Amino acid sequence: MERRLSRLAYHSRYTLRSGQPVLVFRCRQCRKTFCDRFGTAFYDLKTPEEKVQRAIQQGLEGLCPEAVARVEGVHPTTIQRWVDRACVQAKAADKEVITGVSTQNVELDELHSFAGAKHPDDQEADLDKVGQHWTRVAMARESRLMLEVVVGPRTRESATELVEGAACRLASDCWPLWSSDGWEPYLFALTVVFAVLIHFIKGKGRGRPKQSQVVPDPRVRYGQVVKQRAGRRLVAVTRRVIFGVEELIPLKQTSTSLLERPKRDDSSACRAAASQDAQFRQMSDGS
């Protein structure tokens, strides 16, 4: 870092309409100039940084782009461009900061949602970006740290992207216990991400050697929690070890309870809202 900074030299400065000064530097090696906001979400923006930050914060608090645009006095498309800029920078910072994580347990789970309008024929958006989507999360149980979040359809590719992204953030010597429900793509994803190719040597006997096989790394530990339901009622819970020595893996550690709490809270909130709506309708009909 110090070597890179030694290549920079002060060039000039200018002031934005908001009064904020911006410094311009020149690289001694390539002789190119750039300002101190280069590579940030505010680069090449004439809007004051405080206004952009305020709009992003309002979106994080739950306001829709149209509401934020009315508050800040800009077009909703402008708000969306600011969000896209912040998203790119947040992903870059997340990859640099959330690395080398050590944990004993990693939970994998998904939450169903719907993106876009209920009738895709009535909207002009891309059909691949609307409809039923799933938000998949990989979380370190001890620290409650979300290692990776993937939003998309319920496919093997999205499950592999989730496991691969979470594995890249773990420390090199960290081999946690992975826990999920009984969805098969999680098994496929762990096998692909932690794949080991085994070659068989031809023995002295006759015939060809066995074909090479792809198996998960022996250090991978993976358990599933399979729940059986009758309607909305939970009937039975079965825990099983998929990868690893069953005698060395306590079945109680195989759990996705922490990731399932938000889903239970959302379901309770929806049922409460539906109950209040029904009571309101009865009162309205009675009056």
C-alpha atoms as a PDB file:
ATOM      1  CA  MET A   1       0.000   0.000   0.000  1.00  0.00           C
ATOM      2  CA  GLU A   2       2.778   2.457   0.901  1.00  0.00           C
ATOM      3  CA  ARG A   3       4.518   1.675  -2.387  1.00  0.00           C
ATOM      4  CA  ARG A   4       1.370   2.487  -4.330  1.00  0.00           C
ATOM      5  CA  LEU A   5       0.841   5.736  -2.466  1.00  0.00           C
ATOM      6  CA  SER A   6       4.397   6.796  -3.208  1.00  0.00           C
ATOM      7  CA  ARG A   7       3.529   6.812  -6.918  1.00  0.00           C
ATOM      8  CA  LEU A   8       0.886   9.503  -6.438  1.00  0.00           C
ATOM      9  CA  ALA A   9       1.545  13.220  -6.612  1.00  0.00           C
ATOM     10  CA  TYR A  10      -0.788  16.127  -5.909  1.00  0.00           C
ATOM     11  CA  HIS A  11      -1.975  17.759  -9.137  1.00  0.00           C
ATOM     12  CA  SER A  12      -4.831  20.199  -8.467  1.00  0.00           C
ATOM     13  CA  ARG A  13      -8.177  20.650  -6.780  1.00  0.00           C
ATOM     14  CA  TYR A  14     -11.657  21.876  -7.613  1.00  0.00           C
ATOM     15  CA  THR A  15     -14.895  22.552  -5.761  1.00  0.00           C
ATOM     16  CA  LEU A  16     -18.312  21.072  -6.374  1.00  0.00           C
ATOM     17  CA  ARG A  17     -21.509  23.111  -6.412  1.00  0.00           C
ATOM     18  CA  SER A  18     -22.193  21.918  -2.876  1.00  0.00           C
ATOM     19  CA  GLY A  19     -18.904  23.442  -1.742  1.00  0.00           C
ATOM     20  CA  GLN A  20     -17.112  20.140  -1.201  1.00  0.00           C
ATOM     21  CA  PRO A  21     -13.460  20.225  -2.318  1.00  0.00           C
ATOM     22  CA  VAL A  22     -12.165  17.418  -4.552  1.00  0.00           C
ATOM     23  CA  LEU A  23      -8.448  16.640  -4.848  1.00  0.00           C
ATOM     24  CA  VAL A  24      -6.828  15.561  -8.120  1.00  0.00           C
ATOM     25  CA  PHE A  25      -3.728  13.353  -8.163  1.00  0.00           C
ATOM     26  CA  ARG A  26      -1.309  12.265 -10.872  1.00  0.00           C
ATOM     27  CA  CYS A  27       0.381   8.878 -11.117  1.00  0.00           C
ATOM     28  CA  ARG A  28       4.162   9.231 -11.523  1.00  0.00           C
ATOM     29  CA  GLN A  29       4.313   5.946 -13.431  1.00  0.00           C
ATOM     30  CA  CYS A  30       1.503   6.198 -16.023  1.00  0.00           C
ATOM     31  CA  ARG A  31       1.151  10.028 -15.863  1.00  0.00           C
ATOM     32  CA  LYS A  32      -2.652   9.792 -15.635  1.00  0.00           C
ATOM     33  CA  THR A  33      -4.748  12.036 -13.403  1.00  0.00           C
ATOM     34  CA  PHE A  34      -7.749  11.083 -11.282  1.00  0.00           C
ATOM     35  CA  CYS A  35      -9.689  12.574  -8.395  1.00  0.00           C
ATOM     36  CA  ASP A  36      -9.973  11.226  -4.858  1.00  0.00           C
ATOM     37  CA  ARG A  37     -13.532  10.032  -5.561  1.00  0.00           C
ATOM     38  CA  PHE A  38     -12.411   7.694  -8.353  1.00  0.00           C
ATOM     39  CA  GLY A  39     -13.593   4.139  -7.764  1.00  0.00           C
ATOM     40  CA  THR A  40     -16.309   5.173  -5.298  1.00  0.00           C
ATOM     41  CA  ALA A  41     -20.088   5.428  -5.598  1.00  0.00           C
ATOM     42  CA  PHE A  42     -19.788   9.231  -5.823  1.00  0.00           C
ATOM     43  CA  TYR A  43     -17.453   9.333  -8.817  1.00  0.00           C
ATOM     44  CA  ASP A  44     -18.677  11.601 -11.631  1.00  0.00           C
ATOM     45  CA  LEU A  45     -21.724  12.690  -9.610  1.00  0.00           C
ATOM     46  CA  LYS A  46     -22.641  16.336  -9.190  1.00  0.00           C
ATOM     47  CA  THR A  47     -25.129  15.599  -6.421  1.00  0.00           C
ATOM     48  CA  PRO A  48     -23.870  16.277  -2.881  1.00  0.00           C
ATOM     49  CA  GLU A  49     -22.661  13.156  -1.124  1.00  0.00           C
ATOM     50  CA  GLU A  50     -24.922  13.836   1.871  1.00  0.00           C
ATOM     51  CA  LYS A  51     -27.990  13.696  -0.349  1.00  0.00           C
ATOM     52  CA  VAL A  52     -26.963  10.402  -1.932  1.00  0.00           C
ATOM     53  CA  GLN A  53     -26.178   8.863   1.449  1.00  0.00           C
ATOM     54  CA  ARG A  54     -29.502  10.059   2.836  1.00  0.00           C
ATOM     55  CA  ALA A  55     -31.401   8.517  -0.097  1.00  0.00           C
ATOM     56  CA  ILE A  56     -29.594   5.180   0.300  1.00  0.00           C
ATOM     57  CA  GLN A  57     -30.342   5.147   4.032  1.00  0.00           C
ATOM     58  CA  GLN A  58     -34.024   5.836   3.411  1.00  0.00           C
ATOM     59  CA  GLY A  59     -34.128   2.879   1.038  1.00  0.00           C
ATOM     60  CA  LEU A  60     -32.507   0.656   3.661  1.00  0.00           C
ATOM     61  CA  GLU A  61     -35.182   1.731   6.144  1.00  0.00           C
ATOM     62  CA  GLY A  62     -37.889   0.365   3.844  1.00  0.00           C
ATOM     63  CA  LEU A  63     -38.990   3.281   1.660  1.00  0.00           C
ATOM     64  CA  CYS A  64     -39.657   2.463  -1.988  1.00  0.00           C
ATOM     65  CA  PRO A  65     -37.711   4.351  -4.718  1.00  0.00           C
ATOM     66  CA  GLU A  66     -40.775   6.440  -5.539  1.00  0.00           C
ATOM     67  CA  ALA A  67     -41.135   7.585  -1.921  1.00  0.00           C
ATOM     68  CA  VAL A  68     -37.422   8.400  -1.644  1.00  0.00           C
ATOM     69  CA  ALA A  69     -37.634  10.348  -4.916  1.00  0.00           C
ATOM     70  CA  ARG A  70     -40.514  12.441  -3.563  1.00  0.00           C
ATOM     71  CA  VAL A  71     -38.628  13.173  -0.349  1.00  0.00           C
ATOM     72  CA  GLU A  72     -35.379  14.151  -2.101  1.00  0.00           C
ATOM     73  CA  GLY A  73     -37.029  15.873  -5.072  1.00  0.00           C
ATOM     74  CA  VAL A  74     -35.459  13.733  -7.802  1.00  0.00           C
ATOM     75  CA  HIS A  75     -36.677  11.181 -10.348  1.00  0.00           C
ATOM     76  CA  PRO A  76     -37.097   7.524  -9.224  1.00  0.00           C
ATOM     77  CA  THR A  77     -34.665   6.464 -11.953  1.00  0.00           C
ATOM     78  CA  THR A  78     -32.008   8.616 -10.303  1.00  0.00           C
ATOM     79  CA  ILE A  79     -32.592   6.844  -6.994  1.00  0.00           C
ATOM     80  CA  GLN A  80     -32.189   3.489  -8.729  1.00  0.00           C
ATOM     81  CA  ARG A  81     -28.886   4.576 -10.293  1.00  0.00           C
ATOM     82  CA  TRP A  82     -27.600   5.629  -6.885  1.00  0.00           C
ATOM     83  CA  VAL A  83     -28.644   2.255  -5.436  1.00  0.00           C
ATOM     84  CA  ASP A  84     -26.861   0.411  -8.271  1.00  0.00           C
ATOM     85  CA  ARG A  85     -23.678   2.394  -7.622  1.00  0.00           C
ATOM     86  CA  ALA A  86     -23.848   1.679  -3.891  1.00  0.00           C
ATOM     87  CA  CYS A  87     -24.541  -2.007  -4.558  1.00  0.00           C
ATOM     88  CA  VAL A  88     -21.394  -2.387  -6.654  1.00  0.00           C
ATOM     89  CA  GLN A  89     -19.245  -0.757  -3.995  1.00  0.00           C
ATOM     90  CA  ALA A  90     -20.881  -2.719  -1.182  1.00  0.00           C
ATOM     91  CA  LYS A  91     -20.159  -6.020  -2.931  1.00  0.00           C
ATOM     92  CA  ALA A  92     -16.534  -5.029  -3.517  1.00  0.00           C
ATOM     93  CA  ALA A  93     -16.080  -4.003   0.119  1.00  0.00           C
ATOM     94  CA  ASP A  94     -17.836  -7.147   1.342  1.00  0.00           C
ATOM     95  CA  LYS A  95     -15.422  -9.389  -0.565  1.00  0.00           C
ATOM     96  CA  GLU A  96     -12.438  -7.572   0.929  1.00  0.00           C
ATOM     97  CA  VAL A  97     -13.689  -7.448   4.518  1.00  0.00           C
ATOM     98  CA  ILE A  98     -15.545 -10.730   5.069  1.00  0.00           C
ATOM     99  CA  THR A  99     -12.654 -13.154   4.598  1.00  0.00           C
ATOM    100  CA  GLY A 100     -10.810 -15.658   6.759  1.00  0.00           C
ATOM    101  CA  VAL A 101     -13.909 -16.461   8.847  1.00  0.00           C
ATOM    102  CA  SER A 102     -13.547 -19.269  11.401  1.00  0.00           C
ATOM    103  CA  THR A 103     -16.705 -21.003  12.548  1.00  0.00           C
ATOM    104  CA  GLN A 104     -17.838 -24.430  13.681  1.00  0.00           C
ATOM    105  CA  ASN A 105     -21.244 -24.504  12.006  1.00  0.00           C
ATOM    106  CA  VAL A 106     -22.679 -23.059   8.791  1.00  0.00           C
ATOM    107  CA  GLU A 107     -26.432 -23.055   8.186  1.00  0.00           C
ATOM    108  CA  LEU A 108     -27.959 -23.093   4.698  1.00  0.00           C
ATOM    109  CA  ASP A 109     -31.579 -22.179   4.146  1.00  0.00           C
ATOM    110  CA  GLU A 110     -33.863 -20.317   1.749  1.00  0.00           C
ATOM    111  CA  LEU A 111     -36.861 -17.985   1.926  1.00  0.00           C
ATOM    112  CA  HIS A 112     -39.543 -17.874  -0.758  1.00  0.00           C
ATOM    113  CA  SER A 113     -40.516 -14.503  -2.235  1.00  0.00           C
ATOM    114  CA  PHE A 114     -42.111 -12.994  -5.321  1.00  0.00           C
ATOM    115  CA  ALA A 115     -40.402 -10.368  -7.478  1.00  0.00           C
ATOM    116  CA  GLY A 116     -42.328  -8.124  -9.855  1.00  0.00           C
ATOM    117  CA  ALA A 117     -46.014  -8.079 -10.668  1.00  0.00           C
ATOM    118  CA  LYS A 118     -48.354 -10.999 -10.166  1.00  0.00           C
ATOM    119  CA  HIS A 119     -49.141 -11.003 -13.879  1.00  0.00           C
ATOM    120  CA  PRO A 120     -45.864 -10.821 -15.879  1.00  0.00           C
ATOM    121  CA  ASP A 121     -47.854 -10.229 -19.103  1.00  0.00           C
ATOM    122  CA  ASP A 122     -48.931  -6.825 -17.809  1.00  0.00           C
ATOM    123  CA  GLN A 123     -45.411  -5.479 -17.333  1.00  0.00           C
ATOM    124  CA  GLU A 124     -42.501  -4.673 -19.582  1.00  0.00           C
ATOM    125  CA  ALA A 125     -39.766  -6.092 -17.335  1.00  0.00           C
ATOM    126  CA  ASP A 126     -37.663  -9.076 -18.287  1.00  0.00           C
ATOM    127  CA  LEU A 127     -39.501 -12.277 -17.449  1.00  0.00           C
ATOM    128  CA  ASP A 128     -36.286 -13.798 -16.083  1.00  0.00           C
ATOM    129  CA  LYS A 129     -36.176 -11.141 -13.358  1.00  0.00           C
ATOM    130  CA  VAL A 130     -39.784 -11.477 -12.161  1.00  0.00           C
ATOM    131  CA  GLY A 131     -41.858 -14.264 -10.704  1.00  0.00           C
ATOM    132  CA  GLN A 132     -41.143 -16.659  -7.855  1.00  0.00           C
ATOM    133  CA  HIS A 133     -37.661 -16.242  -6.414  1.00  0.00           C
ATOM    134  CA  TRP A 134     -35.810 -17.637  -3.441  1.00  0.00           C
ATOM    135  CA  THR A 135     -33.448 -15.819  -1.111  1.00  0.00           C
ATOM    136  CA  ARG A 136     -30.738 -18.261  -0.034  1.00  0.00           C
ATOM    137  CA  VAL A 137     -28.521 -17.487   2.937  1.00  0.00           C
ATOM    138  CA  ALA A 138     -25.386 -19.108   4.346  1.00  0.00           C
ATOM    139  CA  MET A 139     -24.794 -18.031   7.946  1.00  0.00           C
ATOM    140  CA  ALA A 140     -22.104 -18.749  10.527  1.00  0.00           C
ATOM    141  CA  ARG A 141     -24.055 -19.933  13.555  1.00  0.00           C
ATOM    142  CA  GLU A 142     -21.733 -18.746  16.312  1.00  0.00           C
ATOM    143  CA  SER A 143     -21.390 -15.124  15.137  1.00  0.00           C
ATOM    144  CA  ARG A 144     -24.707 -14.865  13.205  1.00  0.00           C
ATOM    145  CA  LEU A 145     -22.645 -13.564  10.297  1.00  0.00           C
ATOM    146  CA  MET A 146     -24.219 -13.942   6.866  1.00  0.00           C
ATOM    147  CA  LEU A 147     -21.441 -15.327   4.698  1.00  0.00           C
ATOM    148  CA  GLU A 148     -23.329 -15.248   1.399  1.00  0.00           C
ATOM    149  CA  VAL A 149     -26.768 -14.283   0.066  1.00  0.00           C
ATOM    150  CA  VAL A 150     -28.066 -15.382  -3.355  1.00  0.00           C
ATOM    151  CA  VAL A 151     -31.411 -14.334  -4.839  1.00  0.00           C
ATOM    152  CA  GLY A 152     -32.791 -16.253  -7.797  1.00  0.00           C
ATOM    153  CA  PRO A 153     -34.766 -19.278  -8.949  1.00  0.00           C
ATOM    154  CA  ARG A 154     -34.593 -22.566  -7.112  1.00  0.00           C
ATOM    155  CA  THR A 155     -31.931 -24.333  -9.171  1.00  0.00           C
ATOM    156  CA  ARG A 156     -28.692 -26.240  -8.696  1.00  0.00           C
ATOM    157  CA  GLU A 157     -26.743 -23.285 -10.071  1.00  0.00           C
ATOM    158  CA  SER A 158     -27.993 -20.913  -7.378  1.00  0.00           C
ATOM    159  CA  ALA A 159     -27.281 -23.459  -4.635  1.00  0.00           C
ATOM    160  CA  THR A 160     -23.749 -23.964  -5.991  1.00  0.00           C
ATOM    161  CA  GLU A 161     -23.218 -20.197  -6.108  1.00  0.00           C
ATOM    162  CA  LEU A 162     -24.289 -19.938  -2.458  1.00  0.00           C
ATOM    163  CA  VAL A 163     -21.989 -22.700  -1.208  1.00  0.00           C
ATOM    164  CA  GLU A 164     -19.057 -21.529  -3.314  1.00  0.00           C
ATOM    165  CA  GLY A 165     -19.422 -17.932  -2.121  1.00  0.00           C
ATOM    166  CA  ALA A 166     -19.611 -19.013   1.523  1.00  0.00           C
ATOM    167  CA  ALA A 167     -16.638 -21.364   1.182  1.00  0.00           C
ATOM    168  CA  CYS A 168     -14.465 -18.584  -0.264  1.00  0.00           C
ATOM    169  CA  ARG A 169     -14.997 -16.517   2.887  1.00  0.00           C
ATOM    170  CA  LEU A 170     -13.901 -19.229   5.284  1.00  0.00           C
ATOM    171  CA  ALA A 171     -10.355 -19.569   6.568  1.00  0.00           C
ATOM    172  CA  SER A 172      -8.147 -22.079   4.795  1.00  0.00           C
ATOM    173  CA  ASP A 173      -7.998 -24.348   7.866  1.00  0.00           C
ATOM    174  CA  CYS A 174     -11.717 -24.028   8.679  1.00  0.00           C
ATOM    175  CA  TRP A 175     -13.872 -27.107   7.979  1.00  0.00           C
ATOM    176  CA  PRO A 176     -17.236 -26.434   9.636  1.00  0.00           C
ATOM    177  CA  LEU A 177     -20.328 -28.598   9.873  1.00  0.00           C
ATOM    178  CA  TRP A 178     -22.719 -27.629   7.076  1.00  0.00           C
ATOM    179  CA  SER A 179     -26.425 -27.943   7.909  1.00  0.00           C
ATOM    180  CA  SER A 180     -29.436 -27.602   5.617  1.00  0.00           C
ATOM    181  CA  ASP A 181     -32.851 -29.044   4.908  1.00  0.00           C
ATOM    182  CA  GLY A 182     -33.378 -32.052   2.669  1.00  0.00           C
ATOM    183  CA  TRP A 183     -33.192 -30.109  -0.612  1.00  0.00           C
ATOM    184  CA  GLU A 184     -31.014 -32.195  -2.977  1.00  0.00           C
ATOM    185  CA  PRO A 185     -29.131 -29.303  -4.736  1.00  0.00           C
ATOM    186  CA  TYR A 186     -27.317 -28.507  -1.475  1.00  0.00           C
ATOM    187  CA  LEU A 187     -25.824 -32.003  -1.562  1.00  0.00           C
ATOM    188  CA  PHE A 188     -24.854 -31.493  -5.196  1.00  0.00           C
ATOM    189  CA  ALA A 189     -23.333 -28.076  -4.466  1.00  0.00           C
ATOM    190  CA  LEU A 190     -21.148 -29.306  -1.594  1.00  0.00           C
ATOM    191  CA  THR A 191     -19.952 -32.199  -3.732  1.00  0.00           C
ATOM    192  CA  VAL A 192     -19.002 -29.873  -6.594  1.00  0.00           C
ATOM    193  CA  VAL A 193     -17.367 -27.134  -4.509  1.00  0.00           C
ATOM    194  CA  PHE A 194     -15.307 -29.527  -2.364  1.00  0.00           C
ATOM    195  CA  ALA A 195     -14.711 -32.080  -5.101  1.00  0.00           C
ATOM    196  CA  VAL A 196     -11.718 -34.421  -5.010  1.00  0.00           C
ATOM    197  CA  LEU A 197     -10.771 -36.543  -8.027  1.00  0.00           C
ATOM    198  CA  ILE A 198      -9.691 -40.090  -7.125  1.00  0.00           C
ATOM    199  CA  HIS A 199      -7.609 -42.099  -9.584  1.00  0.00           C
ATOM    200  CA  PHE A 200      -7.386 -45.881  -9.285  1.00  0.00           C
ATOM    201  CA  ILE A 201      -4.102 -47.670 -10.051  1.00  0.00           C
ATOM    202  CA  LYS A 202      -4.195 -50.790 -12.128  1.00  0.00           C
ATOM    203  CA  GLY A 203      -3.336 -53.844 -10.115  1.00  0.00           C
ATOM    204  CA  LYS A 204      -1.542 -56.999 -11.115  1.00  0.00           C
ATOM    205  CA  GLY A 205      -4.741 -58.737 -12.094  1.00  0.00           C
ATOM    206  CA  ARG A 206      -6.343 -58.761 -15.483  1.00  0.00           C
ATOM    207  CA  GLY A 207      -8.676 -56.042 -16.712  1.00  0.00           C
ATOM    208  CA  ARG A 208      -8.743 -52.303 -16.756  1.00  0.00           C
ATOM    209  CA  PRO A 209      -8.549 -50.172 -13.598  1.00  0.00           C
ATOM    210  CA  LYS A 210     -11.629 -48.489 -12.219  1.00  0.00           C
ATOM    211  CA  GLN A 211     -12.669 -45.179 -13.713  1.00  0.00           C
ATOM    212  CA  SER A 212     -11.773 -42.027 -11.821  1.00  0.00           C
ATOM    213  CA  GLN A 213     -14.420 -40.827  -9.389  1.00  0.00           C
ATOM    214  CA  VAL A 214     -15.324 -37.382  -8.081  1.00  0.00           C
ATOM    215  CA  VAL A 215     -16.091 -37.436  -4.359  1.00  0.00           C
ATOM    216  CA  PRO A 216     -16.327 -34.700  -1.701  1.00  0.00           C
ATOM    217  CA  ASP A 217     -13.288 -33.935   0.388  1.00  0.00           C
ATOM    218  CA  PRO A 218     -13.057 -36.290   3.393  1.00  0.00           C
ATOM    219  CA  ARG A 219     -12.844 -33.258   5.687  1.00  0.00           C
ATOM    220  CA  VAL A 220     -16.295 -32.033   4.643  1.00  0.00           C
ATOM    221  CA  ARG A 221     -19.032 -32.582   7.236  1.00  0.00           C
ATOM    222  CA  TYR A 222     -22.639 -32.179   6.203  1.00  0.00           C
ATOM    223  CA  GLY A 223     -25.943 -32.934   7.915  1.00  0.00           C
ATOM    224  CA  GLN A 224     -29.573 -32.497   6.940  1.00  0.00           C
ATOM    225  CA  VAL A 225     -32.677 -31.631   8.949  1.00  0.00           C
ATOM    226  CA  VAL A 226     -35.754 -33.088   7.235  1.00  0.00           C
ATOM    227  CA  LYS A 227     -39.138 -31.928   8.538  1.00  0.00           C
ATOM    228  CA  GLN A 228     -42.394 -33.682   7.788  1.00  0.00           C
ATOM    229  CA  ARG A 229     -45.562 -31.628   7.903  1.00  0.00           C
ATOM    230  CA  ALA A 230     -49.257 -32.343   7.708  1.00  0.00           C
ATOM    231  CA  GLY A 231     -50.615 -29.090   6.392  1.00  0.00           C
ATOM    232  CA  ARG A 232     -49.168 -26.393   8.662  1.00  0.00           C
ATOM    233  CA  ARG A 233     -48.558 -28.789  11.559  1.00  0.00           C
ATOM    234  CA  LEU A 234     -45.091 -30.212  12.139  1.00  0.00           C
ATOM    235  CA  VAL A 235     -45.299 -33.997  12.402  1.00  0.00           C
ATOM    236  CA  ALA A 236     -41.689 -35.231  12.659  1.00  0.00           C
ATOM    237  CA  VAL A 237     -38.090 -34.001  12.472  1.00  0.00           C
ATOM    238  CA  THR A 238     -35.343 -36.280  11.189  1.00  0.00           C
ATOM    239  CA  ARG A 239     -31.629 -35.484  11.429  1.00  0.00           C
ATOM    240  CA  ARG A 240     -29.117 -37.389   9.338  1.00  0.00           C
ATOM    241  CA  VAL A 241     -25.409 -37.188   8.546  1.00  0.00           C
ATOM    242  CA  ILE A 242     -24.573 -37.117   4.838  1.00  0.00           C
ATOM    243  CA  PHE A 243     -20.809 -36.454   4.819  1.00  0.00           C
ATOM    244  CA  GLY A 244     -18.515 -37.312   7.694  1.00  0.00           C
ATOM    245  CA  VAL A 245     -18.325 -39.897  10.444  1.00  0.00           C
ATOM    246  CA  GLU A 246     -21.741 -40.178  12.044  1.00  0.00           C
ATOM    247  CA  GLU A 247     -20.344 -41.162  15.435  1.00  0.00           C
ATOM    248  CA  LEU A 248     -18.205 -37.991  15.582  1.00  0.00           C
ATOM    249  CA  ILE A 249     -20.970 -35.555  14.588  1.00  0.00           C
ATOM    250  CA  PRO A 250     -23.584 -34.816  17.289  1.00  0.00           C
ATOM    251  CA  LEU A 251     -27.002 -34.764  15.619  1.00  0.00           C
ATOM    252  CA  LYS A 252     -28.067 -31.837  17.813  1.00  0.00           C
ATOM    253  CA  GLN A 253     -25.540 -29.629  16.013  1.00  0.00           C
ATOM    254  CA  THR A 254     -27.277 -30.303  12.709  1.00  0.00           C
ATOM    255  CA  SER A 255     -29.795 -27.473  12.755  1.00  0.00           C
ATOM    256  CA  THR A 256     -31.096 -24.537  10.705  1.00  0.00           C
ATOM    257  CA  SER A 257     -33.112 -23.000  13.529  1.00  0.00           C
ATOM    258  CA  LEU A 258     -31.409 -19.604  13.466  1.00  0.00           C
ATOM    259  CA  LEU A 259     -32.161 -19.030   9.791  1.00  0.00           C
ATOM    260  CA  GLU A 260     -35.733 -20.229  10.214  1.00  0.00           C
ATOM    261  CA  ARG A 261     -36.568 -17.649  12.890  1.00  0.00           C
ATOM    262  CA  PRO A 262     -37.112 -14.773  10.405  1.00  0.00           C
ATOM    263  CA  LYS A 263     -39.437 -17.015   8.380  1.00  0.00           C
ATOM    264  CA  ARG A 264     -41.486 -17.826  11.474  1.00  0.00           C
ATOM    265  CA  ASP A 265     -41.620 -14.133  12.411  1.00  0.00           C
ATOM    266  CA  ASP A 266     -42.805 -13.182   8.899  1.00  0.00           C
ATOM    267  CA  SER A 267     -45.480 -15.890   8.949  1.00  0.00           C
ATOM    268  CA  SER A 268     -46.700 -14.743  12.369  1.00  0.00           C
ATOM    269  CA  ALA A 269     -46.835 -11.141  11.173  1.00  0.00           C
ATOM    270  CA  CYS A 270     -48.826 -12.139   8.062  1.00  0.00           C
ATOM    271  CA  ARG A 271     -51.288 -14.166  10.136  1.00  0.00           C
ATOM    272  CA  ALA A 272     -51.711 -11.270  12.585  1.00  0.00           C
ATOM    273  CA  ALA A 273     -52.307  -8.821   9.741  1.00  0.00           C
ATOM    274  CA  ALA A 274     -54.861 -11.173   8.152  1.00  0.00           C
ATOM    275  CA  SER A 275     -56.649 -11.545  11.494  1.00  0.00           C
ATOM    276  CA  GLN A 276     -56.799  -7.771  11.998  1.00  0.00           C
ATOM    277  CA  ASP A 277     -58.094  -7.335   8.458  1.00  0.00           C
ATOM    278  CA  ALA A 278     -60.846  -9.894   9.058  1.00  0.00           C
ATOM    279  CA  GLN A 279     -61.870  -8.184  12.305  1.00  0.00           C
ATOM    280  CA  PHE A 280     -61.969  -4.815  10.552  1.00  0.00           C
ATOM    281  CA  ARG A 281     -64.205  -6.219   7.823  1.00  0.00           C
ATOM    282  CA  GLN A 282     -66.595  -7.701  10.380  1.00  0.00           C
ATOM    283  CA  MET A 283     -66.808  -4.379  12.158  1.00  0.00           C
ATOM    284  CA  SER A 284     -67.398  -2.588   8.858  1.00  0.00           C
ATOM    285  CA  ASP A 285     -70.144  -5.025   7.841  1.00  0.00           C
ATOM    286  CA  GLY A 286     -71.774  -4.743  11.248  1.00  0.00           C
ATOM    287  CA  SER A 287     -71.833  -0.971  11.132  1.00  0.00           C
END
